[in-house]
PDB file of N, CA and C in Angstrom:
ATOM      1  N   MET A   1      76.116 128.024  17.154  1.00  0.00           N
ATOM      2  CA  MET A   1      76.574 128.802  18.298  1.00  0.00           C
ATOM      3  C   MET A   1      76.548 127.921  19.549  1.00  0.00           C
ATOM      4  N   LYS A   2      77.601 127.980  20.320  1.00  0.00           N
ATOM      5  CA  LYS A   2      77.721 127.193  21.539  1.00  0.00           C
ATOM      6  C   LYS A   2      76.768 127.727  22.612  1.00  0.00           C
ATOM      7  N   LYS A   3      76.137 126.794  23.329  1.00  0.00           N
ATOM      8  CA  LYS A   3      75.215 127.196  24.402  1.00  0.00           C
ATOM      9  C   LYS A   3      76.006 127.821  25.549  1.00  0.00           C
ATOM     10  N   GLU A   4      75.502 128.933  26.049  1.00  0.00           N
ATOM     11  CA  GLU A   4      76.170 129.652  27.134  1.00  0.00           C
ATOM     12  C   GLU A   4      75.865 129.000  28.478  1.00  0.00           C
ATOM     13  N   LEU A   5      76.775 129.196  29.402  1.00  0.00           N
ATOM     14  CA  LEU A   5      76.523 128.764  30.770  1.00  0.00           C
ATOM     15  C   LEU A   5      75.355 129.569  31.332  1.00  0.00           C
ATOM     16  N   PRO A   6      74.525 128.961  32.183  1.00  0.00           N
ATOM     17  CA  PRO A   6      73.388 129.692  32.759  1.00  0.00           C
ATOM     18  C   PRO A   6      73.805 130.964  33.503  1.00  0.00           C
ATOM     19  N   VAL A   7      74.962 130.939  34.160  1.00  0.00           N
ATOM     20  CA  VAL A   7      75.413 132.119  34.903  1.00  0.00           C
ATOM     21  C   VAL A   7      75.740 133.269  33.940  1.00  0.00           C
ATOM     22  N   ILE A   8      76.292 132.943  32.781  1.00  0.00           N
ATOM     23  CA  ILE A   8      76.576 133.981  31.789  1.00  0.00           C
ATOM     24  C   ILE A   8      75.271 134.536  31.249  1.00  0.00           C
ATOM     25  N   GLN A   9      74.318 133.666  30.966  1.00  0.00           N
ATOM     26  CA  GLN A   9      73.017 134.120  30.464  1.00  0.00           C
ATOM     27  C   GLN A   9      72.321 135.010  31.493  1.00  0.00           C
ATOM     28  N   LYS A  10      72.427 134.649  32.775  1.00  0.00           N
ATOM     29  CA  LYS A  10      71.792 135.448  33.836  1.00  0.00           C
ATOM     30  C   LYS A  10      72.451 136.829  33.921  1.00  0.00           C
ATOM     31  N   ALA A  11      73.777 136.875  33.822  1.00  0.00           N
ATOM     32  CA  ALA A  11      74.482 138.161  33.850  1.00  0.00           C
ATOM     33  C   ALA A  11      74.113 139.006  32.633  1.00  0.00           C
ATOM     34  N   TYR A  12      73.964 138.362  31.501  1.00  0.00           N
ATOM     35  CA  TYR A  12      73.559 139.048  30.273  1.00  0.00           C
ATOM     36  C   TYR A  12      72.140 139.605  30.417  1.00  0.00           C
ATOM     37  N   ASP A  13      71.248 138.787  30.963  1.00  0.00           N
ATOM     38  CA  ASP A  13      69.858 139.228  31.180  1.00  0.00           C
ATOM     39  C   ASP A  13      69.804 140.415  32.142  1.00  0.00           C
ATOM     40  N   LEU A  14      70.639 140.388  33.165  1.00  0.00           N
ATOM     41  CA  LEU A  14      70.706 141.507  34.107  1.00  0.00           C
ATOM     42  C   LEU A  14      71.131 142.784  33.380  1.00  0.00           C
ATOM     43  N   ALA A  15      72.158 142.667  32.554  1.00  0.00           N
ATOM     44  CA  ALA A  15      72.628 143.841  31.799  1.00  0.00           C
ATOM     45  C   ALA A  15      71.534 144.363  30.868  1.00  0.00           C
ATOM     46  N   LYS A  16      70.832 143.441  30.199  1.00  0.00           N
ATOM     47  CA  LYS A  16      69.746 143.848  29.297  1.00  0.00           C
ATOM     48  C   LYS A  16      68.626 144.561  30.035  1.00  0.00           C
ATOM     49  N   GLU A  17      68.435 144.217  31.284  1.00  0.00           N
ATOM     50  CA  GLU A  17      67.375 144.831  32.085  1.00  0.00           C
ATOM     51  C   GLU A  17      67.813 146.182  32.660  1.00  0.00           C
ATOM     52  N   VAL A  18      69.060 146.261  33.100  1.00  0.00           N
ATOM     53  CA  VAL A  18      69.538 147.453  33.803  1.00  0.00           C
ATOM     54  C   VAL A  18      69.858 148.606  32.845  1.00  0.00           C
ATOM     55  N   LEU A  19      70.543 148.331  31.765  1.00  0.00           N
ATOM     56  CA  LEU A  19      71.013 149.414  30.899  1.00  0.00           C
ATOM     57  C   LEU A  19      69.910 150.335  30.380  1.00  0.00           C
ATOM     58  N   PRO A  20      68.791 149.796  29.874  1.00  0.00           N
ATOM     59  CA  PRO A  20      67.728 150.709  29.423  1.00  0.00           C
ATOM     60  C   PRO A  20      67.139 151.544  30.565  1.00  0.00           C
ATOM     61  N   ARG A  21      67.075 150.969  31.750  1.00  0.00           N
ATOM     62  CA  ARG A  21      66.529 151.716  32.891  1.00  0.00           C
ATOM     63  C   ARG A  21      67.464 152.865  33.285  1.00  0.00           C
ATOM     64  N   VAL A  22      68.762 152.603  33.264  1.00  0.00           N
ATOM     65  CA  VAL A  22      69.735 153.640  33.613  1.00  0.00           C
ATOM     66  C   VAL A  22      69.686 154.784  32.598  1.00  0.00           C
ATOM     67  N   SER A  23      69.438 154.454  31.355  1.00  0.00           N
ATOM     68  CA  SER A  23      69.381 155.503  30.324  1.00  0.00           C
ATOM     69  C   SER A  23      68.232 156.484  30.569  1.00  0.00           C
ATOM     70  N   LYS A  24      67.258 156.079  31.398  1.00  0.00           N
ATOM     71  CA  LYS A  24      66.116 156.941  31.707  1.00  0.00           C
ATOM     72  C   LYS A  24      66.271 157.674  33.039  1.00  0.00           C
ATOM     73  N   PHE A  25      67.417 157.501  33.699  1.00  0.00           N
ATOM     74  CA  PHE A  25      67.664 158.227  34.950  1.00  0.00           C
ATOM     75  C   PHE A  25      67.617 159.727  34.686  1.00  0.00           C
ATOM     76  N   PRO A  26      67.206 160.515  35.688  1.00  0.00           N
ATOM     77  CA  PRO A  26      67.280 161.972  35.553  1.00  0.00           C
ATOM     78  C   PRO A  26      68.729 162.403  35.306  1.00  0.00           C
ATOM     79  N   ARG A  27      68.877 163.474  34.602  1.00  0.00           N
ATOM     80  CA  ARG A  27      70.202 163.981  34.231  1.00  0.00           C
ATOM     81  C   ARG A  27      71.128 164.139  35.454  1.00  0.00           C
ATOM     82  N   ASP A  28      70.548 164.525  36.585  1.00  0.00           N
ATOM     83  CA  ASP A  28      71.356 164.721  37.797  1.00  0.00           C
ATOM     84  C   ASP A  28      72.088 163.459  38.228  1.00  0.00           C
ATOM     85  N   TYR A  29      71.528 162.280  37.899  1.00  0.00           N
ATOM     86  CA  TYR A  29      72.117 161.020  38.361  1.00  0.00           C
ATOM     87  C   TYR A  29      72.613 160.112  37.243  1.00  0.00           C
ATOM     88  N   LYS A  30      72.222 160.400  36.014  1.00  0.00           N
ATOM     89  CA  LYS A  30      72.562 159.523  34.893  1.00  0.00           C
ATOM     90  C   LYS A  30      74.066 159.360  34.718  1.00  0.00           C
ATOM     91  N   PHE A  31      74.812 160.435  34.862  1.00  0.00           N
ATOM     92  CA  PHE A  31      76.238 160.392  34.562  1.00  0.00           C
ATOM     93  C   PHE A  31      77.112 160.169  35.796  1.00  0.00           C
ATOM     94  N   THR A  32      76.510 160.002  36.924  1.00  0.00           N
ATOM     95  CA  THR A  32      77.266 159.670  38.136  1.00  0.00           C
ATOM     96  C   THR A  32      76.824 158.290  38.602  1.00  0.00           C
ATOM     97  N   LEU A  33      75.695 158.230  39.225  1.00  0.00           N
ATOM     98  CA  LEU A  33      75.158 156.971  39.734  1.00  0.00           C
ATOM     99  C   LEU A  33      74.874 155.994  38.589  1.00  0.00           C
ATOM    100  N   GLY A  34      74.295 156.485  37.528  1.00  0.00           N
ATOM    101  CA  GLY A  34      73.966 155.628  36.384  1.00  0.00           C
ATOM    102  C   GLY A  34      75.195 154.995  35.757  1.00  0.00           C
ATOM    103  N   ASP A  35      76.248 155.790  35.599  1.00  0.00           N
ATOM    104  CA  ASP A  35      77.489 155.249  35.032  1.00  0.00           C
ATOM    105  C   ASP A  35      78.107 154.188  35.929  1.00  0.00           C
ATOM    106  N   ARG A  36      78.047 154.396  37.220  1.00  0.00           N
ATOM    107  CA  ARG A  36      78.608 153.401  38.155  1.00  0.00           C
ATOM    108  C   ARG A  36      77.804 152.109  38.130  1.00  0.00           C
ATOM    109  N   ILE A  37      76.494 152.218  38.074  1.00  0.00           N
ATOM    110  CA  ILE A  37      75.643 151.028  37.989  1.00  0.00           C
ATOM    111  C   ILE A  37      75.945 150.277  36.696  1.00  0.00           C
ATOM    112  N   THR A  38      76.007 150.994  35.600  1.00  0.00           N
ATOM    113  CA  THR A  38      76.318 150.382  34.311  1.00  0.00           C
ATOM    114  C   THR A  38      77.666 149.676  34.352  1.00  0.00           C
ATOM    115  N   ALA A  39      78.662 150.324  34.920  1.00  0.00           N
ATOM    116  CA  ALA A  39      80.002 149.731  34.994  1.00  0.00           C
ATOM    117  C   ALA A  39      79.988 148.449  35.819  1.00  0.00           C
ATOM    118  N   LYS A  40      79.295 148.448  36.946  1.00  0.00           N
ATOM    119  CA  LYS A  40      79.250 147.253  37.807  1.00  0.00           C
ATOM    120  C   LYS A  40      78.566 146.096  37.092  1.00  0.00           C
ATOM    121  N   VAL A  41      77.485 146.380  36.392  1.00  0.00           N
ATOM    122  CA  VAL A  41      76.771 145.334  35.668  1.00  0.00           C
ATOM    123  C   VAL A  41      77.656 144.755  34.566  1.00  0.00           C
ATOM    124  N   LEU A  42      78.294 145.615  33.793  1.00  0.00           N
ATOM    125  CA  LEU A  42      79.135 145.146  32.693  1.00  0.00           C
ATOM    126  C   LEU A  42      80.396 144.453  33.205  1.00  0.00           C
ATOM    127  N   ASP A  43      80.963 144.953  34.299  1.00  0.00           N
ATOM    128  CA  ASP A  43      82.129 144.284  34.893  1.00  0.00           C
ATOM    129  C   ASP A  43      81.767 142.877  35.359  1.00  0.00           C
ATOM    130  N   THR A  44      80.579 142.724  35.938  1.00  0.00           N
ATOM    131  CA  THR A  44      80.126 141.408  36.393  1.00  0.00           C
ATOM    132  C   THR A  44      79.978 140.462  35.203  1.00  0.00           C
ATOM    133  N   LEU A  45      79.371 140.937  34.135  1.00  0.00           N
ATOM    134  CA  LEU A  45      79.222 140.131  32.925  1.00  0.00           C
ATOM    135  C   LEU A  45      80.595 139.711  32.394  1.00  0.00           C
ATOM    136  N   GLU A  46      81.522 140.655  32.332  1.00  0.00           N
ATOM    137  CA  GLU A  46      82.869 140.343  31.856  1.00  0.00           C
ATOM    138  C   GLU A  46      83.562 139.336  32.768  1.00  0.00           C
ATOM    139  N   ASN A  47      83.394 139.481  34.081  1.00  0.00           N
ATOM    140  CA  ASN A  47      84.015 138.545  35.026  1.00  0.00           C
ATOM    141  C   ASN A  47      83.536 137.112  34.814  1.00  0.00           C
ATOM    142  N   VAL A  48      82.241 136.923  34.651  1.00  0.00           N
ATOM    143  CA  VAL A  48      81.742 135.555  34.498  1.00  0.00           C
ATOM    144  C   VAL A  48      82.129 134.963  33.141  1.00  0.00           C
ATOM    145  N   ILE A  49      82.198 135.788  32.113  1.00  0.00           N
ATOM    146  CA  ILE A  49      82.655 135.298  30.810  1.00  0.00           C
ATOM    147  C   ILE A  49      84.125 134.881  30.910  1.00  0.00           C
ATOM    148  N   GLN A  50      84.949 135.716  31.533  1.00  0.00           N
ATOM    149  CA  GLN A  50      86.368 135.383  31.699  1.00  0.00           C
ATOM    150  C   GLN A  50      86.533 134.122  32.543  1.00  0.00           C
ATOM    151  N   ALA A  51      85.736 133.980  33.577  1.00  0.00           N
ATOM    152  CA  ALA A  51      85.841 132.805  34.452  1.00  0.00           C
ATOM    153  C   ALA A  51      85.542 131.519  33.685  1.00  0.00           C
ATOM    154  N   ALA A  52      84.661 131.604  32.704  1.00  0.00           N
ATOM    155  CA  ALA A  52      84.324 130.425  31.911  1.00  0.00           C
ATOM    156  C   ALA A  52      85.514 129.938  31.086  1.00  0.00           C
ATOM    157  N   TYR A  53      86.474 130.808  30.831  1.00  0.00           N
ATOM    158  CA  TYR A  53      87.603 130.470  29.971  1.00  0.00           C
ATOM    159  C   TYR A  53      88.920 130.316  30.722  1.00  0.00           C
ATOM    160  N   HIS A  54      88.903 130.479  32.034  1.00  0.00           N
ATOM    161  CA  HIS A  54      90.125 130.363  32.827  1.00  0.00           C
ATOM    162  C   HIS A  54      90.024 129.180  33.777  1.00  0.00           C
ATOM    163  N   LYS A  55      91.117 128.489  33.918  1.00  0.00           N
ATOM    164  CA  LYS A  55      91.167 127.373  34.863  1.00  0.00           C
ATOM    165  C   LYS A  55      91.192 127.909  36.305  1.00  0.00           C
ATOM    166  N   GLU A  56      91.941 128.976  36.535  1.00  0.00           N
ATOM    167  CA  GLU A  56      92.005 129.626  37.845  1.00  0.00           C
ATOM    168  C   GLU A  56      90.963 130.737  37.868  1.00  0.00           C
ATOM    169  N   ARG A  57      89.748 130.384  38.246  1.00  0.00           N
ATOM    170  CA  ARG A  57      88.647 131.351  38.153  1.00  0.00           C
ATOM    171  C   ARG A  57      88.248 131.969  39.480  1.00  0.00           C
ATOM    172  N   LYS A  58      88.863 131.551  40.563  1.00  0.00           N
ATOM    173  CA  LYS A  58      88.454 132.018  41.892  1.00  0.00           C
ATOM    174  C   LYS A  58      88.472 133.548  41.991  1.00  0.00           C
ATOM    175  N   ALA A  59      89.554 134.180  41.577  1.00  0.00           N
ATOM    176  CA  ALA A  59      89.662 135.637  41.686  1.00  0.00           C
ATOM    177  C   ALA A  59      88.603 136.339  40.834  1.00  0.00           C
ATOM    178  N   LEU A  60      88.322 135.792  39.651  1.00  0.00           N
ATOM    179  CA  LEU A  60      87.308 136.394  38.779  1.00  0.00           C
ATOM    180  C   LEU A  60      85.914 136.274  39.387  1.00  0.00           C
ATOM    181  N   LEU A  61      85.623 135.134  39.976  1.00  0.00           N
ATOM    182  CA  LEU A  61      84.318 134.940  40.602  1.00  0.00           C
ATOM    183  C   LEU A  61      84.165 135.785  41.861  1.00  0.00           C
ATOM    184  N   GLU A  62      85.249 135.922  42.611  1.00  0.00           N
ATOM    185  CA  GLU A  62      85.203 136.799  43.789  1.00  0.00           C
ATOM    186  C   GLU A  62      84.989 138.248  43.370  1.00  0.00           C
ATOM    187  N   SER A  63      85.618 138.651  42.276  1.00  0.00           N
ATOM    188  CA  SER A  63      85.427 140.010  41.757  1.00  0.00           C
ATOM    189  C   SER A  63      83.979 140.211  41.310  1.00  0.00           C
ATOM    190  N   ALA A  64      83.410 139.209  40.646  1.00  0.00           N
ATOM    191  CA  ALA A  64      82.006 139.287  40.229  1.00  0.00           C
ATOM    192  C   ALA A  64      81.101 139.410  41.447  1.00  0.00           C
ATOM    193  N   ASN A  65      81.389 138.653  42.498  1.00  0.00           N
ATOM    194  CA  ASN A  65      80.610 138.726  43.732  1.00  0.00           C
ATOM    195  C   ASN A  65      80.692 140.112  44.368  1.00  0.00           C
ATOM    196  N   LEU A  66      81.888 140.672  44.415  1.00  0.00           N
ATOM    197  CA  LEU A  66      82.071 142.019  44.967  1.00  0.00           C
ATOM    198  C   LEU A  66      81.315 143.053  44.130  1.00  0.00           C
ATOM    199  N   ASN A  67      81.392 142.932  42.813  1.00  0.00           N
ATOM    200  CA  ASN A  67      80.647 143.849  41.947  1.00  0.00           C
ATOM    201  C   ASN A  67      79.153 143.775  42.226  1.00  0.00           C
ATOM    202  N   LEU A  68      78.640 142.570  42.423  1.00  0.00           N
ATOM    203  CA  LEU A  68      77.210 142.420  42.717  1.00  0.00           C
ATOM    204  C   LEU A  68      76.838 143.065  44.048  1.00  0.00           C
ATOM    205  N   GLU A  69      77.693 142.904  45.039  1.00  0.00           N
ATOM    206  CA  GLU A  69      77.408 143.510  46.341  1.00  0.00           C
ATOM    207  C   GLU A  69      77.389 145.039  46.234  1.00  0.00           C
ATOM    208  N   GLN A  70      78.353 145.587  45.508  1.00  0.00           N
ATOM    209  CA  GLN A  70      78.371 147.037  45.298  1.00  0.00           C
ATOM    210  C   GLN A  70      77.163 147.482  44.494  1.00  0.00           C
ATOM    211  N   LEU A  71      76.780 146.672  43.508  1.00  0.00           N
ATOM    212  CA  LEU A  71      75.614 146.981  42.684  1.00  0.00           C
ATOM    213  C   LEU A  71      74.342 147.031  43.525  1.00  0.00           C
ATOM    214  N   ARG A  72      74.220 146.150  44.496  1.00  0.00           N
ATOM    215  CA  ARG A  72      73.040 146.156  45.372  1.00  0.00           C
ATOM    216  C   ARG A  72      72.869 147.510  46.061  1.00  0.00           C
ATOM    217  N   PHE A  73      73.960 148.042  46.572  1.00  0.00           N
ATOM    218  CA  PHE A  73      73.881 149.333  47.266  1.00  0.00           C
ATOM    219  C   PHE A  73      73.597 150.471  46.290  1.00  0.00           C
ATOM    220  N   LEU A  74      74.208 150.438  45.122  1.00  0.00           N
ATOM    221  CA  LEU A  74      73.973 151.485  44.131  1.00  0.00           C
ATOM    222  C   LEU A  74      72.522 151.465  43.650  1.00  0.00           C
ATOM    223  N   LEU A  75      71.969 150.283  43.457  1.00  0.00           N
ATOM    224  CA  LEU A  75      70.567 150.170  43.039  1.00  0.00           C
ATOM    225  C   LEU A  75      69.624 150.659  44.129  1.00  0.00           C
ATOM    226  N   ARG A  76      69.941 150.317  45.363  1.00  0.00           N
ATOM    227  CA  ARG A  76      69.119 150.789  46.486  1.00  0.00           C
ATOM    228  C   ARG A  76      69.137 152.314  46.546  1.00  0.00           C
ATOM    229  N   LEU A  77      70.312 152.890  46.368  1.00  0.00           N
ATOM    230  CA  LEU A  77      70.440 154.341  46.358  1.00  0.00           C
ATOM    231  C   LEU A  77      69.625 154.952  45.216  1.00  0.00           C
ATOM    232  N   ALA A  78      69.715 154.345  44.034  1.00  0.00           N
ATOM    233  CA  ALA A  78      68.950 154.844  42.884  1.00  0.00           C
ATOM    234  C   ALA A  78      67.452 154.802  43.162  1.00  0.00           C
ATOM    235  N   CYS A  79      67.009 153.755  43.815  1.00  0.00           N
ATOM    236  CA  CYS A  79      65.586 153.638  44.158  1.00  0.00           C
ATOM    237  C   CYS A  79      65.184 154.705  45.177  1.00  0.00           C
ATOM    238  N   GLU A  80      66.005 154.854  46.209  1.00  0.00           N
ATOM    239  CA  GLU A  80      65.674 155.832  47.253  1.00  0.00           C
ATOM    240  C   GLU A  80      65.726 157.266  46.744  1.00  0.00           C
ATOM    241  N   LEU A  81      66.532 157.522  45.719  1.00  0.00           N
ATOM    242  CA  LEU A  81      66.607 158.865  45.132  1.00  0.00           C
ATOM    243  C   LEU A  81      65.527 159.095  44.068  1.00  0.00           C
ATOM    244  N   GLY A  82      64.764 158.047  43.772  1.00  0.00           N
ATOM    245  CA  GLY A  82      63.674 158.178  42.815  1.00  0.00           C
ATOM    246  C   GLY A  82      64.068 157.972  41.365  1.00  0.00           C
ATOM    247  N   SER A  83      65.288 157.532  41.111  1.00  0.00           N
ATOM    248  CA  SER A  83      65.730 157.288  39.742  1.00  0.00           C
ATOM    249  C   SER A  83      65.249 155.941  39.218  1.00  0.00           C
ATOM    250  N   LEU A  84      64.933 155.051  40.126  1.00  0.00           N
ATOM    251  CA  LEU A  84      64.497 153.712  39.784  1.00  0.00           C
ATOM    252  C   LEU A  84      63.213 153.434  40.552  1.00  0.00           C
ATOM    253  N   SER A  85      62.194 152.962  39.853  1.00  0.00           N
ATOM    254  CA  SER A  85      60.917 152.684  40.520  1.00  0.00           C
ATOM    255  C   SER A  85      61.064 151.527  41.492  1.00  0.00           C
ATOM    256  N   GLN A  86      60.161 151.454  42.444  1.00  0.00           N
ATOM    257  CA  GLN A  86      60.176 150.366  43.428  1.00  0.00           C
ATOM    258  C   GLN A  86      60.006 149.018  42.738  1.00  0.00           C
ATOM    259  N   ASN A  87      59.092 148.950  41.774  1.00  0.00           N
ATOM    260  CA  ASN A  87      58.881 147.692  41.044  1.00  0.00           C
ATOM    261  C   ASN A  87      60.121 147.312  40.249  1.00  0.00           C
ATOM    262  N   GLY A  88      60.721 148.290  39.593  1.00  0.00           N
ATOM    263  CA  GLY A  88      61.949 148.035  38.836  1.00  0.00           C
ATOM    264  C   GLY A  88      63.072 147.576  39.745  1.00  0.00           C
ATOM    265  N   PHE A  89      63.188 148.224  40.893  1.00  0.00           N
ATOM    266  CA  PHE A  89      64.211 147.857  41.879  1.00  0.00           C
ATOM    267  C   PHE A  89      64.014 146.419  42.340  1.00  0.00           C
ATOM    268  N   GLU A  90      62.788 146.060  42.684  1.00  0.00           N
ATOM    269  CA  GLU A  90      62.514 144.708  43.180  1.00  0.00           C
ATOM    270  C   GLU A  90      62.809 143.657  42.115  1.00  0.00           C
ATOM    271  N   TYR A  91      62.446 143.938  40.870  1.00  0.00           N
ATOM    272  CA  TYR A  91      62.686 142.989  39.798  1.00  0.00           C
ATOM    273  C   TYR A  91      64.192 142.815  39.552  1.00  0.00           C
ATOM    274  N   ILE A  92      64.900 143.913  39.499  1.00  0.00           N
ATOM    275  CA  ILE A  92      66.352 143.842  39.271  1.00  0.00           C
ATOM    276  C   ILE A  92      67.041 143.164  40.443  1.00  0.00           C
ATOM    277  N   MET A  93      66.616 143.448  41.654  1.00  0.00           N
ATOM    278  CA  MET A  93      67.222 142.803  42.815  1.00  0.00           C
ATOM    279  C   MET A  93      66.987 141.295  42.800  1.00  0.00           C
ATOM    280  N   LYS A  94      65.854 140.865  42.271  1.00  0.00           N
ATOM    281  CA  LYS A  94      65.593 139.429  42.121  1.00  0.00           C
ATOM    282  C   LYS A  94      66.623 138.817  41.178  1.00  0.00           C
ATOM    283  N   LEU A  95      66.891 139.500  40.059  1.00  0.00           N
ATOM    284  CA  LEU A  95      67.903 139.022  39.112  1.00  0.00           C
ATOM    285  C   LEU A  95      69.293 139.006  39.747  1.00  0.00           C
ATOM    286  N   VAL A  96      69.611 140.061  40.498  1.00  0.00           N
ATOM    287  CA  VAL A  96      70.913 140.154  41.165  1.00  0.00           C
ATOM    288  C   VAL A  96      71.073 139.004  42.164  1.00  0.00           C
ATOM    289  N   THR A  97      70.026 138.723  42.918  1.00  0.00           N
ATOM    290  CA  THR A  97      70.077 137.638  43.906  1.00  0.00           C
ATOM    291  C   THR A  97      70.276 136.287  43.220  1.00  0.00           C
ATOM    292  N   GLU A  98      69.546 136.041  42.148  1.00  0.00           N
ATOM    293  CA  GLU A  98      69.687 134.786  41.413  1.00  0.00           C
ATOM    294  C   GLU A  98      71.098 134.644  40.848  1.00  0.00           C
ATOM    295  N   LEU A  99      71.610 135.724  40.281  1.00  0.00           N
ATOM    296  CA  LEU A  99      72.966 135.695  39.733  1.00  0.00           C
ATOM    297  C   LEU A  99      73.985 135.471  40.838  1.00  0.00           C
ATOM    298  N   GLY A 100      73.790 136.120  41.976  1.00  0.00           N
ATOM    299  CA  GLY A 100      74.694 135.940  43.113  1.00  0.00           C
ATOM    300  C   GLY A 100      74.714 134.497  43.592  1.00  0.00           C
ATOM    301  N   GLN A 101      73.563 133.856  43.594  1.00  0.00           N
ATOM    302  CA  GLN A 101      73.490 132.449  43.999  1.00  0.00           C
ATOM    303  C   GLN A 101      74.240 131.565  43.010  1.00  0.00           C
ATOM    304  N   GLN A 102      74.100 131.857  41.731  1.00  0.00           N
ATOM    305  CA  GLN A 102      74.801 131.068  40.723  1.00  0.00           C
ATOM    306  C   GLN A 102      76.315 131.260  40.818  1.00  0.00           C
ATOM    307  N   ILE A 103      76.737 132.497  40.988  1.00  0.00           N
ATOM    308  CA  ILE A 103      78.172 132.765  41.120  1.00  0.00           C
ATOM    309  C   ILE A 103      78.712 132.113  42.386  1.00  0.00           C
ATOM    310  N   GLY A 104      77.966 132.236  43.478  1.00  0.00           N
ATOM    311  CA  GLY A 104      78.387 131.615  44.738  1.00  0.00           C
ATOM    312  C   GLY A 104      78.516 130.109  44.615  1.00  0.00           C
ATOM    313  N   GLY A 105      77.576 129.473  43.936  1.00  0.00           N
ATOM    314  CA  GLY A 105      77.637 128.033  43.723  1.00  0.00           C
ATOM    315  C   GLY A 105      78.829 127.640  42.877  1.00  0.00           C
ATOM    316  N   TRP A 106      79.092 128.425  41.843  1.00  0.00           N
ATOM    317  CA  TRP A 106      80.231 128.163  40.965  1.00  0.00           C
ATOM    318  C   TRP A 106      81.537 128.344  41.732  1.00  0.00           C
ATOM    319  N   LEU A 107      81.589 129.375  42.543  1.00  0.00           N
ATOM    320  CA  LEU A 107      82.780 129.637  43.353  1.00  0.00           C
ATOM    321  C   LEU A 107      83.013 128.491  44.338  1.00  0.00           C
ATOM    322  N   LYS A 108      81.963 128.053  44.989  1.00  0.00           N
ATOM    323  CA  LYS A 108      82.078 126.943  45.951  1.00  0.00           C
ATOM    324  C   LYS A 108      82.544 125.673  45.238  1.00  0.00           C
ATOM    325  N   HIS A 109      81.975 125.419  44.075  1.00  0.00           N
ATOM    326  CA  HIS A 109      82.362 124.252  43.284  1.00  0.00           C
ATOM    327  C   HIS A 109      83.827 124.352  42.840  1.00  0.00           C
ATOM    328  N   SER A 110      84.237 125.531  42.413  1.00  0.00           N
ATOM    329  CA  SER A 110      85.622 125.747  41.978  1.00  0.00           C
ATOM    330  C   SER A 110      86.598 125.550  43.132  1.00  0.00           C
ATOM    331  N   GLN A 111      86.223 126.007  44.315  1.00  0.00           N
ATOM    332  CA  GLN A 111      87.100 125.853  45.478  1.00  0.00           C
ATOM    333  C   GLN A 111      87.218 124.388  45.876  1.00  0.00           C
ATOM    334  N   SER A 112      86.132 123.625  45.774  1.00  0.00           N
ATOM    335  CA  SER A 112      86.206 122.206  46.122  1.00  0.00           C
ATOM    336  C   SER A 112      87.023 121.440  45.091  1.00  0.00           C
ATOM    337  N   ASP A 113      86.943 121.844  43.809  1.00  0.00           N
ATOM    338  CA  ASP A 113      87.784 121.232  42.779  1.00  0.00           C
ATOM    339  C   ASP A 113      89.251 121.508  43.051  1.00  0.00           C
ATOM    340  N   HIS A 114      89.554 122.753  43.440  1.00  0.00           N
ATOM    341  CA  HIS A 114      90.933 123.156  43.716  1.00  0.00           C
ATOM    342  C   HIS A 114      91.465 122.427  44.953  1.00  0.00           C
ATOM    343  N   ALA A 115      90.623 122.242  45.953  1.00  0.00           N
ATOM    344  CA  ALA A 115      91.043 121.544  47.175  1.00  0.00           C
ATOM    345  C   ALA A 115      91.402 120.098  46.865  1.00  0.00           C
ATOM    346  N   GLN A 116      90.697 119.487  45.912  1.00  0.00           N
ATOM    347  CA  GLN A 116      90.996 118.111  45.533  1.00  0.00           C
ATOM    348  C   GLN A 116      92.311 118.020  44.758  1.00  0.00           C
ATOM    349  N   ASP A 117      92.667 119.085  44.035  1.00  0.00           N
ATOM    350  CA  ASP A 117      93.902 119.106  43.255  1.00  0.00           C
ATOM    351  C   ASP A 117      95.134 119.233  44.125  1.00  0.00           C
ATOM    352  N   VAL A 118      94.981 119.807  45.334  1.00  0.00           N
ATOM    353  CA  VAL A 118      96.126 120.074  46.209  1.00  0.00           C
ATOM    354  C   VAL A 118      96.576 118.849  46.931  1.00  0.00           C
TER     355      VAL A 118
END
């Protein structure tokens, strides 16, 4: 099996951490807020996987960045509504921040590569 890029592994780890927690959300929020959080996490994972296979990855990385920003607000809301514990929120936000830094670095690197091609 081919070794995955660290950014893909980080996105995968985030999904592995978030999905079980969302499944434990109270019924009032599981199918609204929980579904949106799940979608953002999985969309981010899909974006970084697609970016690994495309030469023109800027749009995919920007989409992943936007998903992460939206995810930050949804997670904060889940914490403030009591669906996510403070410790769980802090741990997940640490993963989100690390992933955001990796995506940002990849995006910056991709833009500098593209600037050299022009």
